[in-house]
Protein backbone atom coordinates (compact mmCIF):
# COMPACT_ATOMS: atom_id res chain seq x y z
CA MET A 1 15.46 -49.56 -25.36
CA LYS A 2 18.31 -48.91 -22.96
CA LEU A 3 21.10 -51.44 -22.97
CA ASN A 4 21.14 -51.80 -19.21
CA GLU A 5 17.66 -53.32 -19.54
CA ILE A 6 19.00 -55.88 -22.03
CA LEU A 7 22.02 -56.64 -19.86
CA LYS A 8 19.80 -57.39 -16.86
CA ARG A 9 18.05 -60.23 -18.68
CA ASN A 10 18.96 -63.77 -17.77
CA ALA A 11 19.50 -64.75 -21.39
CA LEU A 12 22.40 -65.05 -23.80
CA SER A 13 22.79 -62.34 -26.42
CA LEU A 14 24.98 -61.35 -29.35
CA SER A 15 25.50 -57.82 -30.66
CA PHE A 16 27.36 -56.38 -33.64
CA GLU A 17 29.36 -53.26 -34.43
CA VAL A 18 29.24 -51.18 -37.61
CA PHE A 19 31.08 -48.05 -38.67
CA PRO A 20 29.90 -45.03 -40.68
CA PRO A 21 31.27 -44.15 -44.14
CA LYS A 22 34.35 -42.00 -44.59
CA ASN A 23 32.60 -39.77 -47.13
CA ASP A 24 29.32 -39.10 -48.94
CA THR A 25 30.32 -41.29 -51.88
CA SER A 26 30.34 -44.47 -49.82
CA PHE A 27 27.35 -43.61 -47.63
CA GLU A 28 24.76 -45.70 -49.49
CA SER A 29 26.92 -48.84 -49.66
CA VAL A 30 27.77 -48.60 -45.97
CA LYS A 31 24.14 -47.93 -45.12
CA ARG A 32 23.09 -51.11 -46.96
CA ALA A 33 25.67 -53.17 -45.09
CA THR A 34 24.55 -51.83 -41.71
CA VAL A 35 20.91 -52.51 -42.56
CA GLU A 36 21.75 -56.11 -43.50
CA ILE A 37 23.45 -56.57 -40.14
CA ALA A 38 20.49 -55.02 -38.30
CA ALA A 39 18.15 -57.39 -40.19
CA LEU A 40 19.82 -60.28 -38.32
CA ARG A 41 18.06 -58.94 -35.20
CA PRO A 42 21.04 -58.80 -32.82
CA ALA A 43 20.59 -57.67 -29.23
CA PHE A 44 21.85 -54.24 -30.33
CA VAL A 45 24.02 -52.58 -32.96
CA SER A 46 26.92 -50.32 -31.98
CA VAL A 47 27.73 -47.47 -34.39
CA THR A 48 31.25 -46.05 -34.20
CA TYR A 49 32.41 -42.45 -34.52
CA GLY A 50 35.64 -42.55 -36.52
CA ALA A 51 39.18 -41.54 -35.58
CA GLY A 52 39.28 -37.94 -34.46
CA GLY A 53 35.52 -37.66 -34.96
CA GLY A 54 36.07 -37.46 -38.71
CA THR A 55 32.90 -39.38 -39.59
CA SER A 56 30.75 -38.23 -36.69
CA LYS A 57 28.09 -36.63 -38.87
CA TYR A 58 27.10 -40.07 -40.17
CA THR A 59 26.91 -41.87 -36.82
CA LEU A 60 23.45 -40.58 -35.91
CA ASP A 61 22.14 -41.16 -39.44
CA ILE A 62 23.16 -44.80 -39.36
CA ALA A 63 21.90 -45.33 -35.79
CA LYS A 64 18.51 -43.73 -36.52
CA ASN A 65 18.11 -45.72 -39.74
CA ILE A 66 18.74 -49.04 -37.98
CA SER A 67 16.39 -48.21 -35.14
CA GLU A 68 13.58 -47.00 -37.37
CA LEU A 69 13.74 -49.86 -39.89
CA TYR A 70 14.18 -52.80 -37.53
CA ASP A 71 13.47 -51.49 -34.03
CA VAL A 72 16.90 -52.81 -33.02
CA PRO A 73 18.47 -50.91 -30.09
CA THR A 74 21.50 -48.88 -31.12
CA LEU A 75 24.56 -47.69 -29.25
CA ALA A 76 25.92 -44.45 -30.71
CA HIS A 77 29.59 -43.74 -30.10
CA LEU A 78 30.73 -40.29 -29.04
CA THR A 79 34.39 -39.30 -28.82
CA CYS A 80 35.87 -36.14 -27.39
CA VAL A 81 39.59 -36.14 -28.21
CA SER A 82 39.43 -33.49 -30.93
CA SER A 83 36.36 -31.64 -29.66
CA THR A 84 35.71 -28.43 -27.77
CA LYS A 85 33.12 -28.34 -25.00
CA ASP A 86 30.73 -26.48 -27.31
CA MET A 87 31.08 -29.21 -29.94
CA VAL A 88 30.37 -31.95 -27.41
CA HIS A 89 27.38 -30.13 -25.97
CA ARG A 90 26.01 -29.69 -29.49
CA LYS A 91 26.44 -33.40 -30.20
CA ILE A 92 24.67 -34.29 -26.97
CA GLU A 93 21.71 -32.12 -27.99
CA GLU A 94 21.66 -33.76 -31.42
CA MET A 95 21.60 -37.20 -29.78
CA LYS A 96 18.75 -36.18 -27.51
CA ALA A 97 16.78 -34.82 -30.46
CA ALA A 98 17.38 -38.03 -32.41
CA GLY A 99 16.00 -40.15 -29.57
CA ILE A 100 19.32 -41.85 -28.85
CA LYS A 101 19.13 -43.76 -25.57
CA ASN A 102 22.57 -45.39 -25.46
CA VAL A 103 25.94 -43.66 -25.79
CA MET A 104 29.42 -45.16 -25.87
CA ALA A 105 31.64 -42.48 -24.31
CA LEU A 106 35.21 -42.64 -25.57
CA ARG A 107 38.24 -40.42 -25.70
CA GLY A 108 38.83 -41.63 -29.23
CA ASP A 109 41.82 -42.81 -31.21
CA LEU A 110 44.66 -40.38 -31.77
CA THR A 111 45.31 -39.48 -35.39
CA PRO A 112 48.92 -38.66 -36.37
CA GLU A 113 47.92 -34.98 -36.47
CA LEU A 114 46.50 -35.07 -32.94
CA GLU A 115 49.60 -36.76 -31.59
CA GLN A 116 51.60 -33.70 -32.63
CA THR A 117 49.41 -31.23 -30.70
CA ASP A 118 49.78 -30.00 -27.13
CA ARG A 119 47.41 -32.12 -25.02
CA ARG A 120 47.41 -29.52 -22.26
CA LYS A 121 45.30 -27.32 -24.52
CA TRP A 122 42.64 -29.94 -25.17
CA ASP A 123 39.21 -29.50 -23.59
CA TYR A 124 39.07 -33.26 -23.08
CA ARG A 125 42.04 -35.51 -22.40
CA HIS A 126 40.27 -38.53 -20.94
CA ALA A 127 36.96 -40.32 -21.46
CA VAL A 128 35.99 -39.75 -17.82
CA GLU A 129 35.57 -36.04 -18.58
CA LEU A 130 33.09 -36.85 -21.34
CA ILE A 131 31.21 -39.28 -19.09
CA ARG A 132 30.77 -36.57 -16.47
CA GLU A 133 29.45 -34.14 -19.10
CA LEU A 134 26.95 -36.73 -20.32
CA LYS A 135 25.70 -37.28 -16.77
CA GLU A 136 25.45 -33.54 -16.17
CA SER A 137 23.64 -32.87 -19.46
CA GLY A 138 20.24 -33.85 -18.11
CA ALA A 139 19.82 -36.49 -20.82
CA ASP A 140 18.72 -39.91 -19.63
CA PHE A 141 21.39 -41.86 -21.48
CA CYS A 142 22.61 -45.36 -20.73
CA ILE A 143 26.37 -44.77 -20.86
CA GLY A 144 28.99 -47.28 -21.90
CA GLY A 145 32.75 -47.13 -21.55
CA ALA A 146 35.73 -49.04 -22.93
CA CYS A 147 38.03 -51.34 -21.02
CA TYR A 148 41.20 -53.22 -21.90
CA PRO A 149 41.76 -56.81 -20.72
CA GLU A 150 45.40 -56.48 -21.81
CA VAL A 151 45.95 -52.93 -20.44
CA HIS A 152 45.41 -49.66 -22.27
CA PRO A 153 48.42 -48.95 -24.50
CA GLU A 154 49.06 -45.67 -22.67
CA SER A 155 48.86 -47.07 -19.14
CA VAL A 156 51.98 -47.82 -17.13
CA ASN A 157 50.56 -51.09 -15.81
CA GLN A 158 47.27 -52.88 -15.26
CA GLY A 159 46.90 -51.60 -11.70
CA GLU A 160 46.92 -48.01 -12.95
CA ASP A 161 44.60 -48.94 -15.79
CA ILE A 162 42.04 -50.45 -13.41
CA ARG A 163 42.17 -47.39 -11.15
CA TYR A 164 41.31 -45.18 -14.12
CA LEU A 165 38.59 -47.63 -15.14
CA LYS A 166 37.02 -47.44 -11.70
CA GLU A 167 37.05 -43.64 -11.99
CA LYS A 168 35.07 -43.91 -15.23
CA VAL A 169 32.52 -46.21 -13.64
CA GLU A 170 32.13 -43.93 -10.64
CA ALA A 171 31.62 -40.99 -13.03
CA GLY A 172 28.56 -42.70 -14.49
CA CYS A 173 29.33 -45.69 -16.76
CA ASP A 174 26.44 -48.17 -16.76
CA PHE A 175 28.40 -50.90 -18.54
CA LEU A 176 31.77 -51.59 -20.15
CA THR A 177 32.77 -53.14 -23.46
CA THR A 178 36.21 -54.66 -23.88
CA GLN A 179 38.75 -54.06 -26.58
CA MET A 180 39.27 -57.10 -28.81
CA PHE A 181 41.22 -60.04 -27.38
CA PHE A 182 42.14 -63.45 -28.77
CA ASP A 183 42.78 -65.42 -25.59
CA ASN A 184 39.73 -65.81 -23.34
CA ASN A 185 41.89 -66.54 -20.31
CA LEU A 186 43.11 -62.94 -20.42
CA LEU A 187 39.51 -61.78 -20.12
CA TYR A 188 38.72 -64.11 -17.22
CA ALA A 189 41.77 -62.89 -15.30
CA PHE A 190 40.83 -59.27 -16.03
CA LEU A 191 37.26 -59.76 -14.80
CA TYR A 192 38.54 -61.24 -11.56
CA LYS A 193 40.83 -58.25 -11.00
CA ILE A 194 38.23 -55.56 -11.68
CA ARG A 195 35.64 -57.27 -9.47
CA GLU A 196 38.25 -57.37 -6.70
CA ALA A 197 38.73 -53.63 -7.28
CA GLY A 198 35.01 -53.00 -6.73
CA ILE A 199 33.93 -52.53 -10.35
CA ALA A 200 30.55 -54.23 -10.51
CA VAL A 201 28.93 -52.97 -13.73
CA PRO A 202 28.27 -55.44 -16.58
CA VAL A 203 31.23 -56.11 -18.89
CA ILE A 204 30.57 -57.09 -22.51
CA PRO A 205 33.48 -58.97 -24.11
CA GLY A 206 34.37 -57.76 -27.61
CA VAL A 207 35.42 -60.40 -30.15
CA MET A 208 36.83 -59.59 -33.60
CA PRO A 209 36.74 -62.23 -36.34
CA ILE A 210 40.03 -61.99 -38.23
CA THR A 211 39.01 -62.90 -41.78
CA ASN A 212 42.16 -61.88 -43.62
CA ALA A 213 45.82 -61.96 -42.64
CA SER A 214 46.31 -58.21 -43.07
CA GLN A 215 43.95 -57.59 -40.15
CA VAL A 216 46.39 -59.18 -37.71
CA GLU A 217 48.99 -56.42 -37.91
CA ARG A 218 46.33 -53.72 -37.60
CA ALA A 219 44.70 -55.44 -34.60
CA VAL A 220 48.03 -55.66 -32.80
CA LYS A 221 48.84 -52.04 -33.58
CA LEU A 222 45.46 -50.73 -32.39
CA SER A 223 45.09 -52.75 -29.22
CA GLY A 224 48.40 -54.44 -28.49
CA SER A 225 46.47 -57.71 -28.44
CA PHE A 226 48.32 -60.89 -27.55
CA MET A 227 48.17 -63.42 -30.39
CA PRO A 228 48.06 -66.97 -28.98
CA HIS A 229 50.22 -69.56 -30.73
CA ARG A 230 47.07 -71.41 -31.77
CA PHE A 231 45.74 -68.35 -33.54
CA GLN A 232 49.07 -67.44 -35.11
CA SER A 233 49.30 -70.98 -36.49
CA ILE A 234 45.94 -70.47 -38.20
CA VAL A 235 47.17 -67.27 -39.83
CA ASP A 236 50.44 -68.88 -40.88
CA LYS A 237 48.65 -71.87 -42.41
CA PHE A 238 45.67 -70.20 -44.09
CA GLY A 239 46.64 -66.52 -44.42
CA THR A 240 47.56 -66.79 -48.10
CA SER A 241 44.15 -68.20 -49.04
CA PRO A 242 41.42 -65.55 -48.58
CA ALA A 243 38.56 -68.07 -48.53
CA ALA A 244 40.30 -70.42 -46.10
CA MET A 245 41.40 -67.59 -43.81
CA LYS A 246 37.88 -66.20 -43.72
CA GLN A 247 36.43 -69.57 -42.77
CA ALA A 248 39.14 -70.20 -40.18
CA GLY A 249 38.77 -66.70 -38.69
CA ILE A 250 35.02 -67.11 -38.30
CA ALA A 251 35.54 -70.53 -36.71
CA TYR A 252 38.09 -69.14 -34.24
CA ALA A 253 35.79 -66.25 -33.24
CA THR A 254 32.87 -68.67 -32.89
CA ASP A 255 34.96 -70.88 -30.63
CA GLN A 256 35.79 -67.85 -28.46
CA ILE A 257 32.12 -66.90 -28.19
CA ILE A 258 30.98 -70.42 -27.28
CA ASP A 259 33.67 -70.65 -24.60
CA LEU A 260 32.55 -67.29 -23.16
CA TYR A 261 28.93 -68.44 -22.98
CA ALA A 262 30.00 -71.74 -21.42
CA ASN A 263 31.87 -69.85 -18.72
CA GLY A 264 28.97 -67.69 -17.61
CA ILE A 265 29.26 -64.69 -19.95
CA LYS A 266 25.77 -63.73 -21.15
CA ASN A 267 26.42 -60.87 -23.57
CA VAL A 268 29.07 -60.91 -26.32
CA HIS A 269 29.82 -58.12 -28.78
CA VAL A 270 31.25 -58.84 -32.25
CA TYR A 271 33.35 -56.30 -34.12
CA SER A 272 31.72 -57.25 -37.40
CA MET A 273 33.36 -54.48 -39.48
CA ASN A 274 30.36 -53.86 -41.79
CA LYS A 275 30.50 -57.44 -43.04
CA PRO A 276 26.94 -58.85 -43.04
CA ASP A 277 28.09 -62.27 -44.28
CA VAL A 278 30.53 -62.64 -41.39
CA ALA A 279 27.92 -61.50 -38.87
CA ALA A 280 25.32 -63.87 -40.32
CA LYS A 281 27.68 -66.86 -40.26
CA ILE A 282 28.66 -66.29 -36.63
CA LEU A 283 25.03 -65.86 -35.62
CA ASP A 284 24.13 -69.08 -37.44
CA ASN A 285 27.00 -70.89 -35.70
CA VAL A 286 25.56 -70.08 -32.26
CA SER A 287 21.84 -69.95 -33.14
CA GLU A 288 20.86 -73.01 -31.12
CA ILE A 289 23.01 -71.88 -28.19
CA LEU A 290 21.25 -68.52 -28.11
CA LYS A 291 17.88 -70.28 -27.91
């Protein structure tokens, strides 16, 4: 099923994200975790690609396995930052052959090695170029794109960021998923601004449960996310106790999700990080709300 069909429904939904293994050795354990998450019957499961495309060969395997076992719609990520046009075209053909209906089109994170290369020589420098190729491929994909409520780390300001975002939508994005955020008011302000700019496609907020203190530094580094005082106090108080921090992190994410639903957001995406227990607890926390 295409995600734009799900997003048109007048019902609340929750989706989860999983990531493929880094190598063959961990494939089976990761596969089990993703299957457990799919067994929760979320609206869809998003399968990431890995920095620099390093784990791309597993993305389709995981997505196909989830779809075939549980008939849960999947969203396969595709990045282009380290790829040639031939590589991207080959991946598109592989997705078509695998019956993939939904693609998350991303530039991709820059590895330290990529940051040292000459970007002028890249076949793809921005996600919009990949989106155009997907539209021109003849495949009937539902295409998703990323957006940043707190501004893309490489953008000069939010005005520039929104202009680039509109370019992606005009190139063929059917929906957008946000980077993680920890203050819902930032999302609400962002939604107002992009609607004013004429961006009308559905936007799925992305929420990440922080279940251990070490995740905080990584989250800030990856996304530049603003950490509200309320959240920082939770980390300061419970960060040294793994069990307490896990419970508090799940509670904080649940509170975010409930507030989003209460303020008219219908579809929420959880960066569940291959943690079936975390996904299950959050789903249980909002089970009656989703009914």
